[in-house]
Protein backbone atom coordinates (compact mmCIF):
# COMPACT_ATOMS: atom_id res chain seq x y z
CA UNK A 1 0.07 -0.02 0.07
CA UNK A 2 1.23 3.36 -0.94
CA UNK A 3 2.14 5.60 1.93
CA UNK A 4 0.21 9.32 2.16
CA UNK A 5 2.78 11.83 1.64
CA UNK A 6 2.76 14.95 3.42
CA UNK A 7 3.26 18.49 2.57
CA UNK A 8 4.34 21.82 4.16
CA UNK A 9 1.47 24.43 4.51
CA UNK A 10 2.25 28.04 4.58
CA UNK A 11 2.27 27.90 8.31
CA UNK A 12 5.03 25.27 8.52
CA UNK A 13 2.39 22.46 9.77
CA UNK A 14 2.12 19.20 7.86
CA UNK A 15 -0.87 18.55 5.98
CA UNK A 16 -1.95 15.07 5.16
CA UNK A 17 -3.91 14.44 1.82
CA UNK A 18 -7.33 13.18 2.25
CA UNK A 19 -7.90 9.41 1.60
CA UNK A 20 -10.33 8.22 -1.04
CA UNK A 21 -13.66 10.12 -1.15
CA UNK A 22 -16.49 8.42 0.45
CA UNK A 23 -19.84 8.18 -1.25
CA UNK A 24 -22.45 10.93 0.56
CA UNK A 25 -25.07 9.32 2.41
CA UNK A 26 -28.47 10.28 1.09
CA UNK A 27 -30.87 11.65 3.61
CA UNK A 28 -33.67 11.19 1.53
CA UNK A 29 -33.12 7.40 0.94
CA UNK A 30 -32.71 7.21 4.91
CA UNK A 31 -36.23 8.65 5.39
CA UNK A 32 -37.66 6.67 2.46
CA UNK A 33 -36.49 3.35 3.73
CA UNK A 34 -39.12 1.32 5.33
CA UNK A 35 -37.42 -1.52 7.01
CA UNK A 36 -40.27 -4.17 8.33
CA UNK A 37 -39.35 -3.61 12.07
CA UNK A 38 -39.87 0.20 11.46
CA UNK A 39 -43.34 -0.61 10.07
CA UNK A 40 -44.18 -2.77 12.85
CA UNK A 41 -42.87 -0.14 15.39
CA UNK A 42 -45.14 2.35 13.82
CA UNK A 43 -48.00 -0.14 13.59
CA UNK A 44 -48.02 -1.01 17.24
CA UNK A 45 -47.23 2.40 18.37
CA UNK A 46 -50.44 3.73 16.54
CA UNK A 47 -52.62 0.76 18.32
CA UNK A 48 -51.12 1.72 21.92
CA UNK A 49 -51.40 5.41 21.30
CA UNK A 50 -54.92 5.26 20.19
CA UNK A 51 -55.74 3.27 23.35
CA UNK A 52 -54.01 5.86 25.36
CA UNK A 53 -55.71 8.82 23.41
CA UNK A 54 -59.16 7.22 23.76
CA UNK A 55 -58.88 6.22 27.49
CA UNK A 56 -57.57 9.29 29.00
CA UNK A 57 -60.29 11.84 29.27
CA UNK A 58 -59.45 15.32 27.76
CA UNK A 59 -58.06 17.54 30.35
CA UNK A 60 -56.27 14.79 32.42
CA UNK A 61 -52.60 15.48 30.94
CA UNK A 62 -50.56 18.30 32.24
CA UNK A 63 -51.76 21.90 31.08
CA UNK A 64 -54.05 20.23 28.29
CA UNK A 65 -57.08 22.19 28.80
CA UNK A 66 -54.88 25.48 28.63
CA UNK A 67 -53.16 24.32 25.32
CA UNK A 68 -56.65 23.88 23.81
CA UNK A 69 -57.75 27.23 24.74
CA UNK A 70 -55.11 28.83 22.64
CA UNK A 71 -56.33 26.83 19.75
CA UNK A 72 -59.85 27.99 20.43
CA UNK A 73 -58.77 31.63 20.43
CA UNK A 74 -56.93 31.12 17.25
CA UNK A 75 -60.09 29.62 15.64
CA UNK A 76 -61.72 32.96 16.78
CA UNK A 77 -59.18 35.03 14.98
CA UNK A 78 -57.44 36.07 18.04
CA UNK A 79 -53.72 35.71 18.74
CA UNK A 80 -53.73 35.13 22.64
CA UNK A 81 -52.42 37.71 24.86
CA UNK A 82 -51.01 36.78 28.47
CA UNK A 83 -52.73 38.07 31.46
CA UNK A 84 -51.59 37.17 35.04
CA UNK A 85 -54.98 37.55 36.22
CA UNK A 86 -56.29 35.15 33.47
CA UNK A 87 -55.87 31.99 35.35
CA UNK A 88 -57.15 29.62 32.65
CA UNK A 89 -55.13 31.11 29.82
CA UNK A 90 -51.79 30.50 31.36
CA UNK A 91 -50.28 29.21 28.07
CA UNK A 92 -50.85 32.18 26.35
CA UNK A 93 -47.40 33.47 26.43
CA UNK A 94 -46.39 30.44 24.18
CA UNK A 95 -45.23 30.88 20.63
CA UNK A 96 -47.98 29.98 18.30
CA UNK A 97 -46.84 27.30 15.95
CA UNK A 98 -47.88 24.19 17.31
CA UNK A 99 -51.43 25.50 17.97
CA UNK A 100 -51.66 26.82 14.41
CA UNK A 101 -50.55 23.16 13.08
CA UNK A 102 -53.66 21.60 15.27
CA UNK A 103 -55.95 24.26 14.28
CA UNK A 104 -56.93 22.85 10.53
CA UNK A 105 -57.83 19.46 12.73
CA UNK A 106 -59.70 21.40 15.17
CA UNK A 107 -61.75 23.11 12.78
CA UNK A 108 -62.26 20.25 10.55
CA UNK A 109 -63.69 18.33 13.33
CA UNK A 110 -66.28 21.29 13.91
CA UNK A 111 -64.58 23.55 16.24
CA UNK A 112 -66.20 22.27 19.29
CA UNK A 113 -67.10 19.44 21.61
CA UNK A 114 -64.96 16.16 22.10
CA UNK A 115 -64.42 15.51 18.43
CA UNK A 116 -62.69 18.65 18.14
CA UNK A 117 -60.66 18.02 21.17
CA UNK A 118 -59.72 14.64 20.37
CA UNK A 119 -58.86 15.78 16.82
CA UNK A 120 -55.92 17.86 18.16
CA UNK A 121 -54.83 14.80 20.17
CA UNK A 122 -54.64 13.05 16.86
CA UNK A 123 -52.08 15.73 15.66
CA UNK A 124 -50.07 14.93 18.36
CA UNK A 125 -50.15 11.30 17.85
CA UNK A 126 -48.90 11.61 14.32
CA UNK A 127 -46.37 13.79 15.26
CA UNK A 128 -44.87 11.22 17.56
CA UNK A 129 -44.72 8.81 14.57
CA UNK A 130 -42.56 11.35 12.97
CA UNK A 131 -40.33 11.41 15.82
CA UNK A 132 -40.05 7.61 15.85
CA UNK A 133 -39.08 7.79 11.88
CA UNK A 134 -36.63 10.57 12.52
CA UNK A 135 -34.84 8.88 15.57
CA UNK A 136 -34.89 5.41 13.58
CA UNK A 137 -33.17 7.34 10.39
CA UNK A 138 -30.62 9.36 12.52
CA UNK A 139 -29.40 6.13 14.17
CA UNK A 140 -29.22 4.51 11.02
CA UNK A 141 -27.21 7.17 9.62
CA UNK A 142 -24.91 7.44 12.72
CA UNK A 143 -24.43 3.63 12.91
CA UNK A 144 -24.52 2.10 9.64
CA UNK A 145 -24.68 -1.63 9.58
CA UNK A 146 -26.16 -1.89 13.07
CA UNK A 147 -29.96 -1.81 12.60
CA UNK A 148 -30.09 -3.25 15.97
CA UNK A 149 -29.46 -0.02 17.72
CA UNK A 150 -31.73 1.75 15.54
CA UNK A 151 -34.43 -0.52 16.16
CA UNK A 152 -34.11 -0.40 20.03
CA UNK A 153 -34.00 3.47 19.75
CA UNK A 154 -37.00 3.55 17.79
CA UNK A 155 -38.75 1.34 20.49
CA UNK A 156 -37.63 3.60 22.87
CA UNK A 157 -39.00 6.46 21.26
CA UNK A 158 -42.18 4.67 20.53
CA UNK A 159 -43.14 2.68 23.56
CA UNK A 160 -42.20 4.22 26.86
CA UNK A 161 -45.45 4.88 28.70
CA UNK A 162 -44.96 8.48 29.49
CA UNK A 163 -43.88 9.02 25.76
CA UNK A 164 -47.27 7.41 24.83
CA UNK A 165 -49.00 9.69 27.39
CA UNK A 166 -47.39 12.90 25.69
CA UNK A 167 -48.09 11.83 22.17
CA UNK A 168 -51.63 10.95 23.05
CA UNK A 169 -52.49 14.24 24.66
CA UNK A 170 -52.28 18.03 23.26
CA UNK A 171 -49.53 20.33 23.99
CA UNK A 172 -46.56 21.97 22.02
CA UNK A 173 -44.22 19.27 23.47
CA UNK A 174 -44.76 16.83 20.19
CA UNK A 175 -43.92 19.67 17.65
CA UNK A 176 -40.99 20.59 19.94
CA UNK A 177 -39.72 17.01 19.77
CA UNK A 178 -40.18 16.76 16.16
CA UNK A 179 -38.02 19.94 15.42
CA UNK A 180 -35.36 18.98 17.68
CA UNK A 181 -34.87 15.54 15.90
CA UNK A 182 -35.29 16.84 12.60
CA UNK A 183 -32.52 19.29 13.26
CA UNK A 184 -30.18 16.78 14.98
CA UNK A 185 -30.78 14.62 11.85
CA UNK A 186 -29.70 17.34 9.31
CA UNK A 187 -26.66 18.04 11.72
CA UNK A 188 -25.71 14.59 11.48
CA UNK A 189 -25.94 14.57 7.58
CA UNK A 190 -23.94 17.59 7.57
CA UNK A 191 -21.41 16.24 9.78
CA UNK A 192 -21.13 13.07 7.43
CA UNK A 193 -21.55 14.99 4.05
CA UNK A 194 -20.45 18.51 4.87
CA UNK A 195 -22.48 21.63 5.25
CA UNK A 196 -23.30 23.64 2.15
CA UNK A 197 -25.41 26.71 2.04
CA UNK A 198 -28.55 24.57 1.20
CA UNK A 199 -28.35 22.61 4.52
CA UNK A 200 -27.56 25.55 6.61
CA UNK A 201 -30.46 27.41 5.33
CA UNK A 202 -32.79 24.17 6.02
CA UNK A 203 -31.15 23.96 9.46
CA UNK A 204 -31.73 27.77 10.27
CA UNK A 205 -35.29 27.48 9.13
CA UNK A 206 -36.01 24.77 11.28
CA UNK A 207 -34.64 26.36 14.50
CA UNK A 208 -36.59 29.51 13.42
CA UNK A 209 -39.75 27.40 13.32
CA UNK A 210 -38.59 25.88 16.81
CA UNK A 211 -38.51 29.65 18.23
CA UNK A 212 -42.16 29.87 17.05
CA UNK A 213 -43.09 26.61 18.98
CA UNK A 214 -41.33 26.40 22.24
CA UNK A 215 -38.58 28.54 23.98
CA UNK A 216 -36.29 25.50 24.60
CA UNK A 217 -35.50 25.35 20.94
CA UNK A 218 -33.28 28.17 21.36
CA UNK A 219 -30.92 25.49 22.67
CA UNK A 220 -30.50 24.17 19.11
CA UNK A 221 -28.90 27.10 17.87
CA UNK A 222 -25.51 26.72 19.89
CA UNK A 223 -25.62 22.97 19.03
CA UNK A 224 -25.90 24.04 15.36
CA UNK A 225 -22.96 26.30 15.76
CA UNK A 226 -21.03 23.69 17.48
CA UNK A 227 -21.59 21.11 14.67
CA UNK A 228 -20.50 23.59 11.91
CA UNK A 229 -17.32 24.20 13.85
CA UNK A 230 -16.46 20.32 14.38
CA UNK A 231 -16.99 19.87 10.70
CA UNK A 232 -15.00 22.89 9.67
CA UNK A 233 -12.09 22.07 11.93
CA UNK A 234 -12.19 18.60 10.28
CA UNK A 235 -11.38 20.09 6.91
CA UNK A 236 -9.75 23.12 7.67
CA UNK A 237 -11.44 25.16 4.68
CA UNK A 238 -11.45 28.91 4.76
CA UNK A 239 -12.42 30.31 7.92
CA UNK A 240 -14.42 32.90 5.82
CA UNK A 241 -16.71 29.84 4.62
CA UNK A 242 -17.43 28.50 8.11
CA UNK A 243 -18.22 32.11 9.17
CA UNK A 244 -20.62 32.61 6.15
CA UNK A 245 -22.31 29.28 6.93
CA UNK A 246 -22.78 30.05 10.38
CA UNK A 247 -24.21 33.52 9.92
CA UNK A 248 -26.29 32.24 7.17
CA UNK A 249 -27.69 29.49 9.71
CA UNK A 250 -28.16 31.74 12.63
CA UNK A 251 -29.39 34.67 10.52
CA UNK A 252 -32.11 32.58 9.21
CA UNK A 253 -33.27 31.05 12.50
CA UNK A 254 -33.26 34.74 14.11
CA UNK A 255 -35.41 36.28 11.04
CA UNK A 256 -37.88 33.77 11.48
CA UNK A 257 -38.28 34.11 15.22
CA UNK A 258 -37.75 37.79 15.17
CA UNK A 259 -41.28 38.92 14.66
CA UNK A 260 -42.33 36.92 17.82
CA UNK A 261 -39.66 37.97 20.01
CA UNK A 262 -40.38 41.71 19.17
CA UNK A 263 -44.00 41.17 19.80
CA UNK A 264 -43.00 39.85 23.36
CA UNK A 265 -40.67 42.73 24.04
CA UNK A 266 -43.77 44.92 23.14
CA UNK A 267 -46.19 43.02 25.36
CA UNK A 268 -44.06 41.65 28.35
CA UNK A 269 -40.77 43.30 28.36
CA UNK A 270 -38.44 40.67 27.06
CA UNK A 271 -38.31 38.66 23.93
CA UNK A 272 -39.06 35.13 25.44
CA UNK A 273 -41.99 36.30 27.83
CA UNK A 274 -40.03 35.12 30.90
CA UNK A 275 -41.39 37.96 32.79
CA UNK A 276 -44.78 36.92 31.94
CA UNK A 277 -44.21 33.43 33.01
CA UNK A 278 -42.62 34.39 36.37
CA UNK A 279 -45.49 36.88 36.96
CA UNK A 280 -47.70 33.77 36.79
CA UNK A 281 -45.97 30.94 38.16
CA UNK A 282 -44.33 33.09 41.07
CA UNK A 283 -46.81 31.65 43.40
CA UNK A 284 -46.51 28.05 42.61
CA UNK A 285 -44.34 25.35 44.92
CA UNK A 286 -40.93 26.57 45.00
CA UNK A 287 -37.77 24.40 45.78
CA UNK A 288 -37.93 26.57 49.10
CA UNK A 289 -41.24 25.34 49.93
CA UNK A 290 -40.47 21.69 49.19
CA UNK A 291 -37.34 21.67 51.12
CA UNK A 292 -39.08 23.29 54.12
CA UNK A 293 -42.05 20.49 53.68
CA UNK A 294 -39.37 17.44 53.44
CA UNK A 295 -36.71 18.96 55.71
CA UNK A 296 -34.36 18.85 52.72
CA UNK A 297 -31.02 20.81 52.04
CA UNK A 298 -30.61 22.30 48.59
CA UNK A 299 -27.96 19.69 47.87
CA UNK A 300 -30.62 16.87 48.91
CA UNK A 301 -33.27 18.51 46.98
CA UNK A 302 -31.47 18.58 43.43
CA UNK A 303 -29.21 15.57 43.69
CA UNK A 304 -31.42 13.27 45.21
CA UNK A 305 -35.28 14.66 45.36
CA UNK A 306 -35.73 15.98 41.70
CA UNK A 307 -33.78 13.04 40.30
CA UNK A 308 -35.89 10.45 42.19
CA UNK A 309 -39.22 11.66 40.89
CA UNK A 310 -37.92 12.50 37.42
CA UNK A 311 -36.96 9.02 36.71
CA UNK A 312 -40.52 7.69 37.80
CA UNK A 313 -41.97 10.47 35.46
CA UNK A 314 -39.52 9.32 32.70
CA UNK A 315 -41.17 5.71 32.71
CA UNK A 316 -44.47 6.94 33.32
CA UNK A 317 -46.58 9.11 35.84
CA UNK A 318 -49.95 10.08 34.38
CA UNK A 319 -52.99 12.60 34.76
CA UNK A 320 -51.68 15.63 36.27
CA UNK A 321 -48.33 13.57 37.37
CA UNK A 322 -50.61 12.22 40.26
CA UNK A 323 -51.33 8.81 38.77
CA UNK A 324 -48.79 6.31 39.31
CA UNK A 325 -48.05 2.81 37.82
CA UNK A 326 -48.40 -0.22 40.01
CA UNK A 327 -52.01 -0.20 41.18
CA UNK A 328 -53.98 1.29 44.06
CA UNK A 329 -52.00 1.62 47.55
CA UNK A 330 -52.17 -1.41 49.22
CA UNK A 331 -51.45 -0.52 52.68
CA UNK A 332 -52.43 3.13 53.05
CA UNK A 333 -51.55 5.20 55.86
CA UNK A 334 -54.23 6.18 58.08
CA UNK A 335 -53.69 9.87 57.09
CA UNK A 336 -54.04 9.14 53.35
CA UNK A 337 -57.35 10.59 51.76
CA UNK A 338 -59.58 7.84 50.32
CA UNK A 339 -59.69 9.44 46.87
CA UNK A 340 -55.88 9.18 46.50
CA UNK A 341 -55.74 5.38 47.10
CA UNK A 342 -56.55 4.32 43.63
CA UNK A 343 -54.05 6.58 42.09
CA UNK A 344 -51.28 4.57 43.57
CA UNK A 345 -47.83 5.83 45.06
CA UNK A 346 -44.48 6.76 43.61
CA UNK A 347 -43.06 3.83 45.95
CA UNK A 348 -44.74 1.13 44.09
CA UNK A 349 -42.32 -1.58 43.56
CA UNK A 350 -42.59 -1.16 39.65
CA UNK A 351 -40.74 2.20 40.01
CA UNK A 352 -37.89 0.55 41.93
CA UNK A 353 -37.56 -2.23 39.29
CA UNK A 354 -37.40 0.40 36.50
CA UNK A 355 -35.16 2.70 38.34
CA UNK A 356 -32.70 -0.19 38.58
CA UNK A 357 -32.95 -0.83 34.82
CA UNK A 358 -32.33 2.71 34.30
CA UNK A 359 -29.17 2.75 36.10
CA UNK A 360 -28.20 -0.64 34.56
CA UNK A 361 -28.87 0.98 30.97
CA UNK A 362 -26.69 3.89 32.10
CA UNK A 363 -23.75 1.69 33.06
CA UNK A 364 -24.19 -0.26 29.93
CA UNK A 365 -24.02 2.93 27.93
CA UNK A 366 -20.81 3.95 29.48
CA UNK A 367 -19.32 0.37 28.83
CA UNK A 368 -20.73 0.80 25.06
CA UNK A 369 -19.48 4.28 24.52
CA UNK A 370 -15.79 3.50 25.51
CA UNK A 371 -15.78 0.30 23.40
CA UNK A 372 -17.17 2.21 20.39
CA UNK A 373 -14.69 5.19 20.84
CA UNK A 374 -11.74 2.72 21.41
CA UNK A 375 -12.70 0.91 18.21
CA UNK A 376 -11.74 4.40 16.19
CA UNK A 377 -14.97 5.15 14.31
CA UNK A 378 -14.87 7.62 11.67
CA UNK A 379 -14.25 11.08 12.61
CA UNK A 380 -17.67 12.34 11.40
CA UNK A 381 -19.41 9.62 13.58
CA UNK A 382 -17.49 10.89 16.68
CA UNK A 383 -18.64 14.44 16.04
CA UNK A 384 -22.31 13.16 15.77
CA UNK A 385 -21.74 11.83 19.12
CA UNK A 386 -20.29 14.90 20.30
CA UNK A 387 -23.08 17.08 18.93
CA UNK A 388 -26.03 14.83 20.05
CA UNK A 389 -24.22 14.91 23.55
CA UNK A 390 -24.15 18.38 23.69
CA UNK A 391 -27.72 18.61 22.86
CA UNK A 392 -28.50 16.31 25.65
CA UNK A 393 -26.30 18.35 28.15
CA UNK A 394 -27.88 21.38 27.51
CA UNK A 395 -31.20 19.78 28.11
CA UNK A 396 -30.14 18.37 31.07
CA UNK A 397 -28.86 21.25 32.39
CA UNK A 398 -31.90 23.64 31.54
CA UNK A 399 -34.18 21.28 33.35
CA UNK A 400 -31.98 21.34 36.61
CA UNK A 401 -31.78 25.17 36.22
CA UNK A 402 -35.62 25.43 35.87
CA UNK A 403 -35.90 23.23 38.91
CA UNK A 404 -33.95 25.71 40.96
CA UNK A 405 -36.65 28.12 40.45
CA UNK A 406 -39.86 25.68 40.26
CA UNK A 407 -40.41 22.17 41.49
CA UNK A 408 -41.12 20.60 38.21
CA UNK A 409 -39.78 17.07 38.15
CA UNK A 410 -41.18 16.15 35.11
CA UNK A 411 -39.08 14.14 32.58
CA UNK A 412 -41.12 15.32 29.63
CA UNK A 413 -39.12 18.36 29.58
CA UNK A 414 -36.19 16.19 29.05
CA UNK A 415 -37.69 14.51 25.78
CA UNK A 416 -36.62 17.11 23.33
CA UNK A 417 -33.46 15.11 23.66
CA UNK A 418 -35.11 11.99 22.75
CA UNK A 419 -32.75 11.37 19.94
CA UNK A 420 -29.43 10.99 22.05
CA UNK A 421 -31.54 9.62 24.99
CA UNK A 422 -33.07 6.47 23.15
CA UNK A 423 -29.62 6.06 21.26
CA UNK A 424 -27.79 5.77 24.62
CA UNK A 425 -30.55 3.41 26.12
CA UNK A 426 -30.28 1.24 23.07
CA UNK A 427 -26.44 0.95 23.23
CA UNK A 428 -26.79 0.44 26.92
CA UNK A 429 -29.07 -2.64 26.46
CA UNK A 430 -27.46 -4.18 23.62
CA UNK A 431 -23.81 -4.03 24.90
CA UNK A 432 -24.37 -7.30 26.68
CA UNK A 433 -25.36 -9.18 23.53
CA UNK A 434 -23.12 -10.79 21.23
CA UNK A 435 -22.83 -9.06 17.63
CA UNK A 436 -24.73 -12.19 15.99
CA UNK A 437 -27.68 -11.69 18.39
CA UNK A 438 -28.29 -7.92 18.56
CA UNK A 439 -31.15 -7.71 16.34
CA UNK A 440 -32.83 -10.40 18.64
CA UNK A 441 -31.88 -8.25 21.45
CA UNK A 442 -33.20 -4.97 19.84
CA UNK A 443 -36.40 -7.19 18.96
CA UNK A 444 -36.76 -8.17 22.95
CA UNK A 445 -36.29 -4.77 23.97
CA UNK A 446 -39.06 -3.55 21.93
CA UNK A 447 -41.47 -6.20 22.93
CA UNK A 448 -40.61 -5.63 26.54
CA UNK A 449 -41.25 -2.01 26.36
CA UNK A 450 -44.54 -2.36 24.44
CA UNK A 451 -45.40 -4.82 27.33
CA UNK A 452 -44.62 -2.39 29.80
CA UNK A 453 -46.94 0.31 27.73
CA UNK A 454 -49.83 -2.16 27.71
CA UNK A 455 -49.66 -2.88 31.09
CA UNK A 456 -49.73 0.69 32.04
CA UNK A 457 -52.62 1.17 30.07
CA UNK A 458 -54.60 -1.74 31.44
CA UNK A 459 -53.32 -1.76 34.88
CA UNK A 460 -53.57 1.98 35.68
CA UNK A 461 -55.37 4.20 32.89
CA UNK A 462 -58.12 1.95 32.06
CA UNK A 463 -58.50 1.02 35.77
CA UNK A 464 -58.95 4.54 36.75
CA UNK A 465 -60.81 5.97 33.76
CA UNK A 466 -62.88 3.07 33.26
CA UNK A 467 -63.32 3.03 29.45
CA UNK A 468 -62.18 3.24 25.82
CA UNK A 469 -63.79 5.88 23.95
CA UNK A 470 -65.62 8.98 24.85
């Protein structure tokens, strides 16, 4: 084999000529591929999601009635304005895109009554299918030749009971997840094939749409700029080209979100309506309240109390975060109110088991990550891992920052990072399986998660709410 020769650059550094050109990966082909396992995942997802949707009465999901009120105001030709004294309309500070997406279904269903309410839920269910599709495609892009990881990651995105609860209710969370997954998928393509102006334009446009969906999407901007830098660092192209692409991406994102941010400045005094949010939620349960009530220090609160309830809601806590898996309380204490007994308890054995599963998956993911890094993957694959990891880290940091202001140990706030989370869980599960059996291991993971989702529906939702249909 001929050795690669090097030459001196103007700065005196040696520059190694690039190796043979690699065939670009087609994002369209990845999205168009319909492996049998993906079709099966989506089919089971729609069955389970339909059962969740039809069993839980409308309004028995976090803030669902307030989200619907936003759509009702759009249907009347008004853009909601947040007012602290209007206690029912507390989602009026949210950007409008998710509600505009749901508006046609709401109107086609008559614009009132149960039909309209459940029509907007169907929009969420369809967006959930898009998320599953994007997760599977993105993992196949990142790890070609390892369909088992993509299958297991898709199953995590599809079948965890809490994810089905989110996608079978109405809020702006499903569209937020969709945009996060779409941006991370495009960033993966850019790191694999290179960032041209067209791809930067698309990424910027999707981030801009995110700014019109939920404030959380602002975190996509630094993630995208880091991805651009990582790709530029590998090729050492002209700095002017990198700056032009970064400026295009950021400029398009800001241009799309700017009208809404300007409106917020006029109405509320800041571009993201944080002051309005704080004005309404200032009297909600704060960390100080819970620390005093439970006798906790701040360290105990942030490192033990919040994670303990977050991991439970990661798997599944329903209604207004007060309906637990595991059945009714078997031995209720004398002071427990009778109406709380059927709702279960966070101390149910199933949560202990699922917490241990999560811990084992985390250990497995660390082992898998070390093995993968030592196997010397392609540079673009490492950069995808770094980019997706940064996204997850920012989401987690924002989550804990939020919980220093308000007690909101709800794992749905972590779900915008579902792509790296699902890929990590899949890798942690499959690390113990021999290579030849990993597809079987992934199928087993999908079956176990679907079984858990069915158990949560039958043993919790159907037991409490009593019927399927409205």
